[in-house]
Amino acid sequence: MTLHVKRWAKSPNFPFYCFVLSLFFVPLFLQDPYFIHQLIFICLFAYLSASWNIIGGYAGQTSLGHSAFVGIGAYVSTLLFINLGLTPWVGMFAGGLAATLVSLIIGFPAFRLTGPYFALTTIAFCEILRLWVTDTETLLGISLKGARGILLPIKGHSPYDFQFVDKVYYYYIILMMMVLILYVCYKIENSKMGYYLRAIKGNQEAARSLGVEVTQYKLLAFAISAFFTGMGGVFYAQMVLFIIPERILGLDISIELALITIIGGRGTLFGPIFGAFLLRPLSEITAAYFGGTYLGVHLILYGVLLMVSILFIPKGMTELFNRLYLKLIRSL
């Protein structure tokens, strides 16, 4: 048993497994609603960034329009909830499937482009969708309310309706979702699909020459990524109980997901988690201290960290942490 534990401790991911496990005990010691609220959003962005990592990290296809899938999931679930009374627990899968369908429609022609054109296509789609929803009051008799956004009906403490008075419930739900996406990423990373995606990321022409169906696997990664991102959008809608196109379909979410993953460690299992727990608190602290005077200062800090990461730690902060941890373990 001791040898087994020592072998685990020598894995560079061991501290991250311990950290994720420790998150389940946080509410036992930290019961301040403000900190629980902040932890919920940190875990939400960790979850969304890990979803982005499937296409942007493992496959190396930089999507800057993932907020479209967040918004699609949120709007589909919310409209089904308001108009049909469908529980958001089911709406979560409906929103994920809607996001998947859209990703296939967008990805099929876009993945035939080379260089940065895929990223530009995702930006264009996201902005077109945002502007369309902002300017659309009704669609097929269903009220979208345009720029005003949609306020979800407040049911009080109603688990069936995915609404809770105590934020701890939301915390454990998003924590389980984060664990789920980590498991999905782990299975992808250690599967044939994962090897193919890494080959595509390295050199897709070489991968194609070896028989890899490049477009097929990129589409598959994009669809999986969109599905889980759409589910995250449903959680966001139920947590906030108000969705507005300017926020949920805006490019700022897409860019933040990419920055979190790149700085944390693109194409690594725990990179998005590391990035979210590093950057989201930094964003809140700078907003609290400089928000009124220097609006957007957190974006400057993000940019500085991104440049430092690209220049000195191209594999992300996770790689630096792993090196320091393994060095520590070898010295013991």
C-alpha atoms as a PDB file:
ATOM      1  CA  MET A   1       0.000   0.000   0.000  1.00  0.00           C
ATOM      2  CA  THR A   2       2.829   2.394   0.904  1.00  0.00           C
ATOM      3  CA  LEU A   3       4.638   1.611  -2.354  1.00  0.00           C
ATOM      4  CA  HIS A   4       1.410   2.212  -4.272  1.00  0.00           C
ATOM      5  CA  VAL A   5       0.968   5.627  -2.635  1.00  0.00           C
ATOM      6  CA  LYS A   6       4.603   6.533  -3.337  1.00  0.00           C
ATOM      7  CA  ARG A   7       4.155   5.570  -6.986  1.00  0.00           C
ATOM      8  CA  TRP A   8       1.089   7.813  -7.203  1.00  0.00           C
ATOM      9  CA  ALA A   9       2.959  10.651  -5.486  1.00  0.00           C
ATOM     10  CA  LYS A  10       5.612  10.544  -8.210  1.00  0.00           C
ATOM     11  CA  SER A  11       3.000  11.355 -10.840  1.00  0.00           C
ATOM     12  CA  PRO A  12       3.049  15.073 -11.784  1.00  0.00           C
ATOM     13  CA  ASN A  13      -0.766  15.059 -11.651  1.00  0.00           C
ATOM     14  CA  PHE A  14      -0.897  13.785  -8.062  1.00  0.00           C
ATOM     15  CA  PRO A  15      -1.148  17.282  -6.458  1.00  0.00           C
ATOM     16  CA  PHE A  16      -3.970  18.193  -8.835  1.00  0.00           C
ATOM     17  CA  TYR A  17      -5.945  15.073  -7.950  1.00  0.00           C
ATOM     18  CA  CYS A  18      -5.502  15.947  -4.275  1.00  0.00           C
ATOM     19  CA  PHE A  19      -6.564  19.538  -4.934  1.00  0.00           C
ATOM     20  CA  VAL A  20      -9.761  18.521  -6.775  1.00  0.00           C
ATOM     21  CA  LEU A  21     -10.577  16.060  -3.979  1.00  0.00           C
ATOM     22  CA  SER A  22     -10.064  18.767  -1.358  1.00  0.00           C
ATOM     23  CA  LEU A  23     -12.640  20.991  -3.103  1.00  0.00           C
ATOM     24  CA  PHE A  24     -15.393  18.626  -1.912  1.00  0.00           C
ATOM     25  CA  PHE A  25     -14.617  19.583   1.700  1.00  0.00           C
ATOM     26  CA  VAL A  26     -14.391  23.354   1.237  1.00  0.00           C
ATOM     27  CA  PRO A  27     -18.021  24.109   2.281  1.00  0.00           C
ATOM     28  CA  LEU A  28     -17.375  22.346   5.586  1.00  0.00           C
ATOM     29  CA  PHE A  29     -14.823  25.013   6.522  1.00  0.00           C
ATOM     30  CA  LEU A  30     -15.767  27.977   4.340  1.00  0.00           C
ATOM     31  CA  GLN A  31     -19.447  28.873   4.624  1.00  0.00           C
ATOM     32  CA  ASP A  32     -19.382  32.536   3.604  1.00  0.00           C
ATOM     33  CA  PRO A  33     -21.906  32.842   0.687  1.00  0.00           C
ATOM     34  CA  TYR A  34     -19.654  35.342  -1.116  1.00  0.00           C
ATOM     35  CA  PHE A  35     -16.692  32.944  -1.259  1.00  0.00           C
ATOM     36  CA  ILE A  36     -18.927  30.018  -2.210  1.00  0.00           C
ATOM     37  CA  HIS A  37     -20.350  32.173  -5.016  1.00  0.00           C
ATOM     38  CA  GLN A  38     -16.843  32.978  -6.266  1.00  0.00           C
ATOM     39  CA  LEU A  39     -15.826  29.314  -6.098  1.00  0.00           C
ATOM     40  CA  ILE A  40     -18.890  28.371  -8.147  1.00  0.00           C
ATOM     41  CA  PHE A  41     -17.824  30.684 -10.960  1.00  0.00           C
ATOM     42  CA  ILE A  42     -14.197  29.557 -10.755  1.00  0.00           C
ATOM     43  CA  CYS A  43     -15.327  25.935 -11.118  1.00  0.00           C
ATOM     44  CA  LEU A  44     -17.721  26.939 -13.920  1.00  0.00           C
ATOM     45  CA  PHE A  45     -14.912  28.565 -15.909  1.00  0.00           C
ATOM     46  CA  ALA A  46     -12.650  25.595 -15.140  1.00  0.00           C
ATOM     47  CA  TYR A  47     -15.375  23.326 -16.545  1.00  0.00           C
ATOM     48  CA  LEU A  48     -15.937  25.484 -19.639  1.00  0.00           C
ATOM     49  CA  SER A  49     -12.187  25.842 -20.245  1.00  0.00           C
ATOM     50  CA  ALA A  50     -11.716  22.076 -19.988  1.00  0.00           C
ATOM     51  CA  SER A  51     -14.520  21.686 -22.547  1.00  0.00           C
ATOM     52  CA  TRP A  52     -12.737  24.196 -24.820  1.00  0.00           C
ATOM     53  CA  ASN A  53      -9.488  22.267 -24.310  1.00  0.00           C
ATOM     54  CA  ILE A  54     -10.878  19.266 -26.195  1.00  0.00           C
ATOM     55  CA  ILE A  55     -10.898  21.173 -29.480  1.00  0.00           C
ATOM     56  CA  GLY A  56      -8.498  24.026 -28.694  1.00  0.00           C
ATOM     57  CA  GLY A  57      -5.931  22.011 -26.743  1.00  0.00           C
ATOM     58  CA  TYR A  58      -5.853  18.382 -27.850  1.00  0.00           C
ATOM     59  CA  ALA A  59      -6.819  19.095 -31.473  1.00  0.00           C
ATOM     60  CA  GLY A  60      -5.014  22.446 -31.639  1.00  0.00           C
ATOM     61  CA  GLN A  61      -7.953  24.202 -33.347  1.00  0.00           C
ATOM     62  CA  THR A  62      -8.341  27.634 -31.760  1.00  0.00           C
ATOM     63  CA  SER A  63     -12.032  28.390 -31.394  1.00  0.00           C
ATOM     64  CA  LEU A  64     -12.811  31.971 -30.360  1.00  0.00           C
ATOM     65  CA  GLY A  65     -16.561  31.558 -30.593  1.00  0.00           C
ATOM     66  CA  HIS A  66     -17.330  29.125 -27.798  1.00  0.00           C
ATOM     67  CA  SER A  67     -19.573  31.633 -26.052  1.00  0.00           C
ATOM     68  CA  ALA A  68     -22.034  30.849 -28.879  1.00  0.00           C
ATOM     69  CA  PHE A  69     -22.395  27.326 -27.463  1.00  0.00           C
ATOM     70  CA  VAL A  70     -22.743  28.700 -23.925  1.00  0.00           C
ATOM     71  CA  GLY A  71     -25.550  30.941 -25.173  1.00  0.00           C
ATOM     72  CA  ILE A  72     -27.241  28.238 -27.257  1.00  0.00           C
ATOM     73  CA  GLY A  73     -27.370  25.901 -24.263  1.00  0.00           C
ATOM     74  CA  ALA A  74     -28.703  28.647 -22.000  1.00  0.00           C
ATOM     75  CA  TYR A  75     -31.373  29.855 -24.442  1.00  0.00           C
ATOM     76  CA  VAL A  76     -32.602  26.394 -25.465  1.00  0.00           C
ATOM     77  CA  SER A  77     -32.976  25.196 -21.876  1.00  0.00           C
ATOM     78  CA  THR A  78     -34.550  28.469 -20.711  1.00  0.00           C
ATOM     79  CA  LEU A  79     -37.094  28.576 -23.529  1.00  0.00           C
ATOM     80  CA  LEU A  80     -38.038  24.929 -22.967  1.00  0.00           C
ATOM     81  CA  PHE A  81     -38.398  25.657 -19.244  1.00  0.00           C
ATOM     82  CA  ILE A  82     -40.568  28.769 -19.718  1.00  0.00           C
ATOM     83  CA  ASN A  83     -42.740  27.564 -22.617  1.00  0.00           C
ATOM     84  CA  LEU A  84     -43.047  23.817 -21.981  1.00  0.00           C
ATOM     85  CA  GLY A  85     -42.233  23.516 -18.278  1.00  0.00           C
ATOM     86  CA  LEU A  86     -39.383  21.114 -19.088  1.00  0.00           C
ATOM     87  CA  THR A  87     -37.040  20.673 -16.147  1.00  0.00           C
ATOM     88  CA  PRO A  88     -33.577  22.170 -16.777  1.00  0.00           C
ATOM     89  CA  TRP A  89     -32.070  18.811 -15.811  1.00  0.00           C
ATOM     90  CA  VAL A  90     -33.436  17.533 -19.127  1.00  0.00           C
ATOM     91  CA  GLY A  91     -32.958  20.947 -20.738  1.00  0.00           C
ATOM     92  CA  MET A  92     -29.257  20.618 -19.985  1.00  0.00           C
ATOM     93  CA  PHE A  93     -28.978  17.709 -22.423  1.00  0.00           C
ATOM     94  CA  ALA A  94     -31.253  19.444 -24.935  1.00  0.00           C
ATOM     95  CA  GLY A  95     -29.050  22.541 -24.800  1.00  0.00           C
ATOM     96  CA  GLY A  96     -25.938  20.404 -25.188  1.00  0.00           C
ATOM     97  CA  LEU A  97     -27.401  18.578 -28.187  1.00  0.00           C
ATOM     98  CA  ALA A  98     -28.462  21.871 -29.815  1.00  0.00           C
ATOM     99  CA  ALA A  99     -24.912  23.207 -29.376  1.00  0.00           C
ATOM    100  CA  THR A 100     -23.538  19.967 -30.863  1.00  0.00           C
ATOM    101  CA  LEU A 101     -25.776  20.253 -33.925  1.00  0.00           C
ATOM    102  CA  VAL A 102     -24.687  23.848 -34.522  1.00  0.00           C
ATOM    103  CA  SER A 103     -21.011  22.897 -34.089  1.00  0.00           C
ATOM    104  CA  LEU A 104     -21.352  20.272 -36.824  1.00  0.00           C
ATOM    105  CA  ILE A 105     -23.038  22.763 -39.167  1.00  0.00           C
ATOM    106  CA  ILE A 106     -20.282  25.321 -38.562  1.00  0.00           C
ATOM    107  CA  GLY A 107     -17.385  22.878 -38.343  1.00  0.00           C
ATOM    108  CA  PHE A 108     -18.051  20.898 -41.524  1.00  0.00           C
ATOM    109  CA  PRO A 109     -17.155  23.767 -43.895  1.00  0.00           C
ATOM    110  CA  ALA A 110     -14.826  25.614 -41.475  1.00  0.00           C
ATOM    111  CA  PHE A 111     -12.447  22.668 -40.942  1.00  0.00           C
ATOM    112  CA  ARG A 112     -11.625  22.703 -44.624  1.00  0.00           C
ATOM    113  CA  LEU A 113      -9.932  26.055 -44.066  1.00  0.00           C
ATOM    114  CA  THR A 114      -6.285  26.311 -43.040  1.00  0.00           C
ATOM    115  CA  GLY A 115      -4.283  28.598 -40.761  1.00  0.00           C
ATOM    116  CA  PRO A 116      -6.160  31.127 -38.638  1.00  0.00           C
ATOM    117  CA  TYR A 117      -9.312  31.042 -40.763  1.00  0.00           C
ATOM    118  CA  PHE A 118     -11.090  28.583 -38.468  1.00  0.00           C
ATOM    119  CA  ALA A 119     -10.633  30.981 -35.533  1.00  0.00           C
ATOM    120  CA  LEU A 120     -11.933  33.870 -37.660  1.00  0.00           C
ATOM    121  CA  THR A 121     -14.939  31.783 -38.709  1.00  0.00           C
ATOM    122  CA  THR A 122     -15.859  31.039 -35.093  1.00  0.00           C
ATOM    123  CA  ILE A 123     -15.556  34.730 -34.179  1.00  0.00           C
ATOM    124  CA  ALA A 124     -17.795  35.697 -37.100  1.00  0.00           C
ATOM    125  CA  PHE A 125     -20.414  33.085 -36.211  1.00  0.00           C
ATOM    126  CA  CYS A 126     -20.461  34.117 -32.552  1.00  0.00           C
ATOM    127  CA  GLU A 127     -20.895  37.803 -33.422  1.00  0.00           C
ATOM    128  CA  ILE A 128     -23.601  37.072 -36.032  1.00  0.00           C
ATOM    129  CA  LEU A 129     -25.515  34.975 -33.489  1.00  0.00           C
ATOM    130  CA  ARG A 130     -25.195  37.657 -30.802  1.00  0.00           C
ATOM    131  CA  LEU A 131     -26.421  40.414 -33.110  1.00  0.00           C
ATOM    132  CA  TRP A 132     -29.274  38.248 -34.394  1.00  0.00           C
ATOM    133  CA  VAL A 133     -30.508  37.365 -30.896  1.00  0.00           C
ATOM    134  CA  THR A 134     -30.107  40.995 -29.773  1.00  0.00           C
ATOM    135  CA  ASP A 135     -32.309  42.203 -32.650  1.00  0.00           C
ATOM    136  CA  THR A 136     -34.903  39.403 -32.479  1.00  0.00           C
ATOM    137  CA  GLU A 137     -37.943  39.869 -30.245  1.00  0.00           C
ATOM    138  CA  THR A 138     -39.836  36.740 -31.298  1.00  0.00           C
ATOM    139  CA  LEU A 139     -39.025  33.594 -33.278  1.00  0.00           C
ATOM    140  CA  LEU A 140     -41.837  31.325 -34.500  1.00  0.00           C
ATOM    141  CA  GLY A 141     -44.106  32.815 -31.854  1.00  0.00           C
ATOM    142  CA  ILE A 142     -41.531  32.277 -29.081  1.00  0.00           C
ATOM    143  CA  SER A 143     -40.395  35.409 -27.246  1.00  0.00           C
ATOM    144  CA  LEU A 144     -36.608  35.904 -27.201  1.00  0.00           C
ATOM    145  CA  LYS A 145     -36.974  39.473 -25.850  1.00  0.00           C
ATOM    146  CA  GLY A 146     -33.966  40.649 -27.852  1.00  0.00           C
ATOM    147  CA  ALA A 147     -31.488  42.890 -26.062  1.00  0.00           C
ATOM    148  CA  ARG A 148     -33.611  42.950 -22.893  1.00  0.00           C
ATOM    149  CA  GLY A 149     -32.711  39.360 -22.133  1.00  0.00           C
ATOM    150  CA  ILE A 150     -34.829  36.717 -20.418  1.00  0.00           C
ATOM    151  CA  LEU A 151     -35.577  36.563 -16.706  1.00  0.00           C
ATOM    152  CA  LEU A 152     -36.197  32.986 -15.581  1.00  0.00           C
ATOM    153  CA  PRO A 153     -39.231  32.277 -13.357  1.00  0.00           C
ATOM    154  CA  ILE A 154     -38.137  32.140  -9.730  1.00  0.00           C
ATOM    155  CA  LYS A 155     -39.419  28.976  -8.019  1.00  0.00           C
ATOM    156  CA  GLY A 156     -37.647  29.278  -4.685  1.00  0.00           C
ATOM    157  CA  HIS A 157     -36.026  26.094  -3.405  1.00  0.00           C
ATOM    158  CA  SER A 158     -37.077  23.636  -6.108  1.00  0.00           C
ATOM    159  CA  PRO A 159     -34.571  20.891  -7.020  1.00  0.00           C
ATOM    160  CA  TYR A 160     -36.840  19.736  -9.870  1.00  0.00           C
ATOM    161  CA  ASP A 161     -36.552  23.199 -11.428  1.00  0.00           C
ATOM    162  CA  PHE A 162     -32.777  23.368 -10.794  1.00  0.00           C
ATOM    163  CA  GLN A 163     -33.215  26.211  -8.295  1.00  0.00           C
ATOM    164  CA  PHE A 164     -31.807  26.266  -4.774  1.00  0.00           C
ATOM    165  CA  VAL A 165     -31.833  28.788  -1.964  1.00  0.00           C
ATOM    166  CA  ASP A 166     -28.453  27.644  -0.623  1.00  0.00           C
ATOM    167  CA  LYS A 167     -25.531  28.213  -3.025  1.00  0.00           C
ATOM    168  CA  VAL A 168     -23.794  25.081  -1.719  1.00  0.00           C
ATOM    169  CA  TYR A 169     -26.085  22.991  -3.933  1.00  0.00           C
ATOM    170  CA  TYR A 170     -24.885  24.860  -7.021  1.00  0.00           C
ATOM    171  CA  TYR A 171     -21.312  24.449  -5.823  1.00  0.00           C
ATOM    172  CA  TYR A 172     -21.507  20.674  -5.625  1.00  0.00           C
ATOM    173  CA  ILE A 173     -23.338  20.430  -8.956  1.00  0.00           C
ATOM    174  CA  ILE A 174     -20.685  22.395 -10.850  1.00  0.00           C
ATOM    175  CA  LEU A 175     -17.945  20.547  -8.974  1.00  0.00           C
ATOM    176  CA  MET A 176     -19.374  17.225 -10.165  1.00  0.00           C
ATOM    177  CA  MET A 177     -19.633  18.634 -13.693  1.00  0.00           C
ATOM    178  CA  MET A 178     -15.972  19.656 -13.459  1.00  0.00           C
ATOM    179  CA  VAL A 179     -15.008  16.145 -12.363  1.00  0.00           C
ATOM    180  CA  LEU A 180     -17.085  14.723 -15.229  1.00  0.00           C
ATOM    181  CA  ILE A 181     -15.317  16.809 -17.883  1.00  0.00           C
ATOM    182  CA  LEU A 182     -11.947  15.885 -16.361  1.00  0.00           C
ATOM    183  CA  TYR A 183     -12.899  12.214 -16.683  1.00  0.00           C
ATOM    184  CA  VAL A 184     -13.999  12.741 -20.306  1.00  0.00           C
ATOM    185  CA  CYS A 185     -10.730  14.544 -21.100  1.00  0.00           C
ATOM    186  CA  TYR A 186      -8.739  11.779 -19.380  1.00  0.00           C
ATOM    187  CA  LYS A 187     -10.481   9.104 -21.483  1.00  0.00           C
ATOM    188  CA  ILE A 188      -9.915  11.116 -24.677  1.00  0.00           C
ATOM    189  CA  GLU A 189      -6.272  11.783 -23.787  1.00  0.00           C
ATOM    190  CA  ASN A 190      -5.570   8.072 -23.340  1.00  0.00           C
ATOM    191  CA  SER A 191      -7.566   6.785 -26.299  1.00  0.00           C
ATOM    192  CA  LYS A 192      -6.935   6.337 -30.008  1.00  0.00           C
ATOM    193  CA  MET A 193      -8.858   9.556 -30.565  1.00  0.00           C
ATOM    194  CA  GLY A 194      -6.462  11.407 -28.281  1.00  0.00           C
ATOM    195  CA  TYR A 195      -3.429  10.179 -30.209  1.00  0.00           C
ATOM    196  CA  TYR A 196      -5.063  11.156 -33.486  1.00  0.00           C
ATOM    197  CA  LEU A 197      -5.925  14.628 -32.179  1.00  0.00           C
ATOM    198  CA  ARG A 198      -2.351  15.191 -31.028  1.00  0.00           C
ATOM    199  CA  ALA A 199      -1.115  14.067 -34.452  1.00  0.00           C
ATOM    200  CA  ILE A 200      -3.504  16.524 -36.113  1.00  0.00           C
ATOM    201  CA  LYS A 201      -2.304  19.264 -33.779  1.00  0.00           C
ATOM    202  CA  GLY A 202       1.320  18.516 -34.630  1.00  0.00           C
ATOM    203  CA  ASN A 203       0.944  18.293 -38.402  1.00  0.00           C
ATOM    204  CA  GLN A 204      -2.438  17.541 -39.910  1.00  0.00           C
ATOM    205  CA  GLU A 205      -1.037  16.897 -43.398  1.00  0.00           C
ATOM    206  CA  ALA A 206       1.349  14.306 -42.017  1.00  0.00           C
ATOM    207  CA  ALA A 207      -1.512  12.789 -39.996  1.00  0.00           C
ATOM    208  CA  ARG A 208      -3.685  12.626 -43.116  1.00  0.00           C
ATOM    209  CA  SER A 209      -0.896  10.929 -45.060  1.00  0.00           C
ATOM    210  CA  LEU A 210      -0.807   8.229 -42.377  1.00  0.00           C
ATOM    211  CA  GLY A 211      -4.508   7.504 -42.786  1.00  0.00           C
ATOM    212  CA  VAL A 212      -6.026   9.701 -40.063  1.00  0.00           C
ATOM    213  CA  GLU A 213      -9.448  11.078 -41.028  1.00  0.00           C
ATOM    214  CA  VAL A 214      -8.493  14.627 -40.089  1.00  0.00           C
ATOM    215  CA  THR A 215     -11.824  16.383 -40.723  1.00  0.00           C
ATOM    216  CA  GLN A 216     -13.798  13.581 -39.072  1.00  0.00           C
ATOM    217  CA  TYR A 217     -11.794  13.686 -35.845  1.00  0.00           C
ATOM    218  CA  LYS A 218     -11.753  17.481 -35.706  1.00  0.00           C
ATOM    219  CA  LEU A 219     -15.538  17.467 -36.100  1.00  0.00           C
ATOM    220  CA  LEU A 220     -15.869  14.841 -33.381  1.00  0.00           C
ATOM    221  CA  ALA A 221     -13.703  16.862 -30.976  1.00  0.00           C
ATOM    222  CA  PHE A 222     -15.640  20.045 -31.830  1.00  0.00           C
ATOM    223  CA  ALA A 223     -18.977  18.301 -31.237  1.00  0.00           C
ATOM    224  CA  ILE A 224     -17.926  16.873 -27.852  1.00  0.00           C
ATOM    225  CA  SER A 225     -16.519  20.246 -26.822  1.00  0.00           C
ATOM    226  CA  ALA A 226     -19.722  22.051 -27.896  1.00  0.00           C
ATOM    227  CA  PHE A 227     -21.964  19.540 -26.089  1.00  0.00           C
ATOM    228  CA  PHE A 228     -20.324  20.050 -22.706  1.00  0.00           C
ATOM    229  CA  THR A 229     -20.008  23.810 -23.269  1.00  0.00           C
ATOM    230  CA  GLY A 230     -23.754  23.959 -23.954  1.00  0.00           C
ATOM    231  CA  MET A 231     -24.419  22.109 -20.692  1.00  0.00           C
ATOM    232  CA  GLY A 232     -22.280  24.696 -18.913  1.00  0.00           C
ATOM    233  CA  GLY A 233     -24.457  27.435 -20.437  1.00  0.00           C
ATOM    234  CA  VAL A 234     -27.534  25.820 -18.892  1.00  0.00           C
ATOM    235  CA  PHE A 235     -25.871  25.793 -15.477  1.00  0.00           C
ATOM    236  CA  TYR A 236     -24.977  29.478 -15.886  1.00  0.00           C
ATOM    237  CA  ALA A 237     -28.585  30.367 -16.745  1.00  0.00           C
ATOM    238  CA  GLN A 238     -29.974  28.474 -13.748  1.00  0.00           C
ATOM    239  CA  MET A 239     -27.376  29.944 -11.420  1.00  0.00           C
ATOM    240  CA  VAL A 240     -27.894  33.579 -12.481  1.00  0.00           C
ATOM    241  CA  LEU A 241     -31.598  33.238 -13.481  1.00  0.00           C
ATOM    242  CA  PHE A 242     -31.126  35.919 -16.123  1.00  0.00           C
ATOM    243  CA  ILE A 243     -29.583  35.678 -19.596  1.00  0.00           C
ATOM    244  CA  ILE A 244     -28.747  38.577 -21.863  1.00  0.00           C
ATOM    245  CA  PRO A 245     -27.144  38.194 -25.326  1.00  0.00           C
ATOM    246  CA  GLU A 246     -24.566  40.927 -24.751  1.00  0.00           C
ATOM    247  CA  ARG A 247     -23.047  38.912 -21.902  1.00  0.00           C
ATOM    248  CA  ILE A 248     -23.680  35.249 -22.614  1.00  0.00           C
ATOM    249  CA  LEU A 249     -22.982  35.476 -26.368  1.00  0.00           C
ATOM    250  CA  GLY A 250     -20.208  38.074 -26.131  1.00  0.00           C
ATOM    251  CA  LEU A 251     -16.669  37.382 -27.303  1.00  0.00           C
ATOM    252  CA  ASP A 252     -15.242  38.111 -23.843  1.00  0.00           C
ATOM    253  CA  ILE A 253     -16.266  34.664 -22.568  1.00  0.00           C
ATOM    254  CA  SER A 254     -14.732  32.958 -25.621  1.00  0.00           C
ATOM    255  CA  ILE A 255     -11.455  34.827 -25.239  1.00  0.00           C
ATOM    256  CA  GLU A 256     -11.319  34.201 -21.490  1.00  0.00           C
ATOM    257  CA  LEU A 257     -11.762  30.447 -21.986  1.00  0.00           C
ATOM    258  CA  ALA A 258      -8.901  30.410 -24.484  1.00  0.00           C
ATOM    259  CA  LEU A 259      -6.631  32.503 -22.231  1.00  0.00           C
ATOM    260  CA  ILE A 260      -7.358  30.374 -19.163  1.00  0.00           C
ATOM    261  CA  THR A 261      -6.470  27.195 -21.053  1.00  0.00           C
ATOM    262  CA  ILE A 262      -3.384  28.561 -22.843  1.00  0.00           C
ATOM    263  CA  ILE A 263      -1.916  30.097 -19.667  1.00  0.00           C
ATOM    264  CA  GLY A 264      -2.841  27.080 -17.552  1.00  0.00           C
ATOM    265  CA  GLY A 265      -1.604  24.500 -20.045  1.00  0.00           C
ATOM    266  CA  ARG A 266      -3.139  23.870 -23.451  1.00  0.00           C
ATOM    267  CA  GLY A 267      -3.618  20.198 -24.256  1.00  0.00           C
ATOM    268  CA  THR A 268      -3.010  19.056 -20.670  1.00  0.00           C
ATOM    269  CA  LEU A 269      -5.526  17.430 -18.348  1.00  0.00           C
ATOM    270  CA  PHE A 270      -5.345  19.926 -15.495  1.00  0.00           C
ATOM    271  CA  GLY A 271      -4.201  23.024 -17.415  1.00  0.00           C
ATOM    272  CA  PRO A 272      -7.712  24.563 -17.602  1.00  0.00           C
ATOM    273  CA  ILE A 273      -8.273  23.905 -13.882  1.00  0.00           C
ATOM    274  CA  PHE A 274      -4.941  25.495 -12.953  1.00  0.00           C
ATOM    275  CA  GLY A 275      -5.661  28.458 -15.229  1.00  0.00           C
ATOM    276  CA  ALA A 276      -9.166  29.039 -13.867  1.00  0.00           C
ATOM    277  CA  PHE A 277      -8.072  28.950 -10.230  1.00  0.00           C
ATOM    278  CA  LEU A 278      -5.225  31.332 -11.081  1.00  0.00           C
ATOM    279  CA  LEU A 279      -6.948  33.847 -13.371  1.00  0.00           C
ATOM    280  CA  ARG A 280     -10.522  34.060 -12.086  1.00  0.00           C
ATOM    281  CA  PRO A 281      -9.494  35.204  -8.554  1.00  0.00           C
ATOM    282  CA  LEU A 282      -7.033  37.615 -10.193  1.00  0.00           C
ATOM    283  CA  SER A 283      -9.908  39.039 -12.244  1.00  0.00           C
ATOM    284  CA  GLU A 284     -12.094  39.491  -9.153  1.00  0.00           C
ATOM    285  CA  ILE A 285      -9.306  41.116  -7.122  1.00  0.00           C
ATOM    286  CA  THR A 286      -8.407  43.599  -9.854  1.00  0.00           C
ATOM    287  CA  ALA A 287     -12.102  44.385 -10.444  1.00  0.00           C
ATOM    288  CA  ALA A 288     -12.573  45.031  -6.713  1.00  0.00           C
ATOM    289  CA  TYR A 289      -9.545  47.306  -6.363  1.00  0.00           C
ATOM    290  CA  PHE A 290      -9.241  48.929  -9.793  1.00  0.00           C
ATOM    291  CA  GLY A 291     -12.612  48.372 -11.492  1.00  0.00           C
ATOM    292  CA  GLY A 292     -13.954  51.839 -10.778  1.00  0.00           C
ATOM    293  CA  THR A 293     -10.780  53.644 -11.871  1.00  0.00           C
ATOM    294  CA  TYR A 294      -9.026  51.402 -14.384  1.00  0.00           C
ATOM    295  CA  LEU A 295     -11.669  49.425 -16.214  1.00  0.00           C
ATOM    296  CA  GLY A 296     -10.293  46.298 -17.900  1.00  0.00           C
ATOM    297  CA  VAL A 297      -7.019  46.197 -15.934  1.00  0.00           C
ATOM    298  CA  HIS A 298      -7.474  42.434 -15.485  1.00  0.00           C
ATOM    299  CA  LEU A 299      -7.223  42.052 -19.280  1.00  0.00           C
ATOM    300  CA  ILE A 300      -3.828  43.779 -19.159  1.00  0.00           C
ATOM    301  CA  LEU A 301      -2.676  41.305 -16.513  1.00  0.00           C
ATOM    302  CA  TYR A 302      -4.071  38.425 -18.613  1.00  0.00           C
ATOM    303  CA  GLY A 303      -2.078  39.735 -21.577  1.00  0.00           C
ATOM    304  CA  VAL A 304       1.129  39.973 -19.529  1.00  0.00           C
ATOM    305  CA  LEU A 305       0.682  36.425 -18.231  1.00  0.00           C
ATOM    306  CA  LEU A 306      -0.065  35.206 -21.754  1.00  0.00           C
ATOM    307  CA  MET A 307       3.132  36.760 -23.147  1.00  0.00           C
ATOM    308  CA  VAL A 308       5.209  35.368 -20.264  1.00  0.00           C
ATOM    309  CA  SER A 309       3.640  31.954 -20.755  1.00  0.00           C
ATOM    310  CA  ILE A 310       4.241  31.889 -24.527  1.00  0.00           C
ATOM    311  CA  LEU A 311       7.827  33.160 -24.248  1.00  0.00           C
ATOM    312  CA  PHE A 312       9.076  31.209 -21.241  1.00  0.00           C
ATOM    313  CA  ILE A 313       6.533  28.467 -20.490  1.00  0.00           C
ATOM    314  CA  PRO A 314       4.993  27.522 -23.858  1.00  0.00           C
ATOM    315  CA  LYS A 315       3.284  24.477 -22.325  1.00  0.00           C
ATOM    316  CA  GLY A 316       1.615  26.602 -19.651  1.00  0.00           C
ATOM    317  CA  MET A 317       1.837  27.111 -15.910  1.00  0.00           C
ATOM    318  CA  THR A 318       0.984  23.458 -15.324  1.00  0.00           C
ATOM    319  CA  GLU A 319       4.269  22.439 -16.960  1.00  0.00           C
ATOM    320  CA  LEU A 320       6.219  24.771 -14.650  1.00  0.00           C
ATOM    321  CA  PHE A 321       4.394  23.435 -11.594  1.00  0.00           C
ATOM    322  CA  ASN A 322       5.019  19.829 -12.678  1.00  0.00           C
ATOM    323  CA  ARG A 323       8.749  20.455 -13.078  1.00  0.00           C
ATOM    324  CA  LEU A 324       9.006  22.059  -9.650  1.00  0.00           C
ATOM    325  CA  TYR A 325       6.961  19.271  -8.061  1.00  0.00           C
ATOM    326  CA  LEU A 326       9.012  16.461  -9.633  1.00  0.00           C
ATOM    327  CA  LYS A 327      12.205  18.243  -8.605  1.00  0.00           C
ATOM    328  CA  LEU A 328      10.890  18.399  -5.035  1.00  0.00           C
ATOM    329  CA  ILE A 329       9.907  14.712  -5.064  1.00  0.00           C
ATOM    330  CA  ARG A 330      13.347  13.639  -6.339  1.00  0.00           C
ATOM    331  CA  SER A 331      15.059  15.659  -3.618  1.00  0.00           C
ATOM    332  CA  LEU A 332      13.144  13.853  -0.843  1.00  0.00           C
END
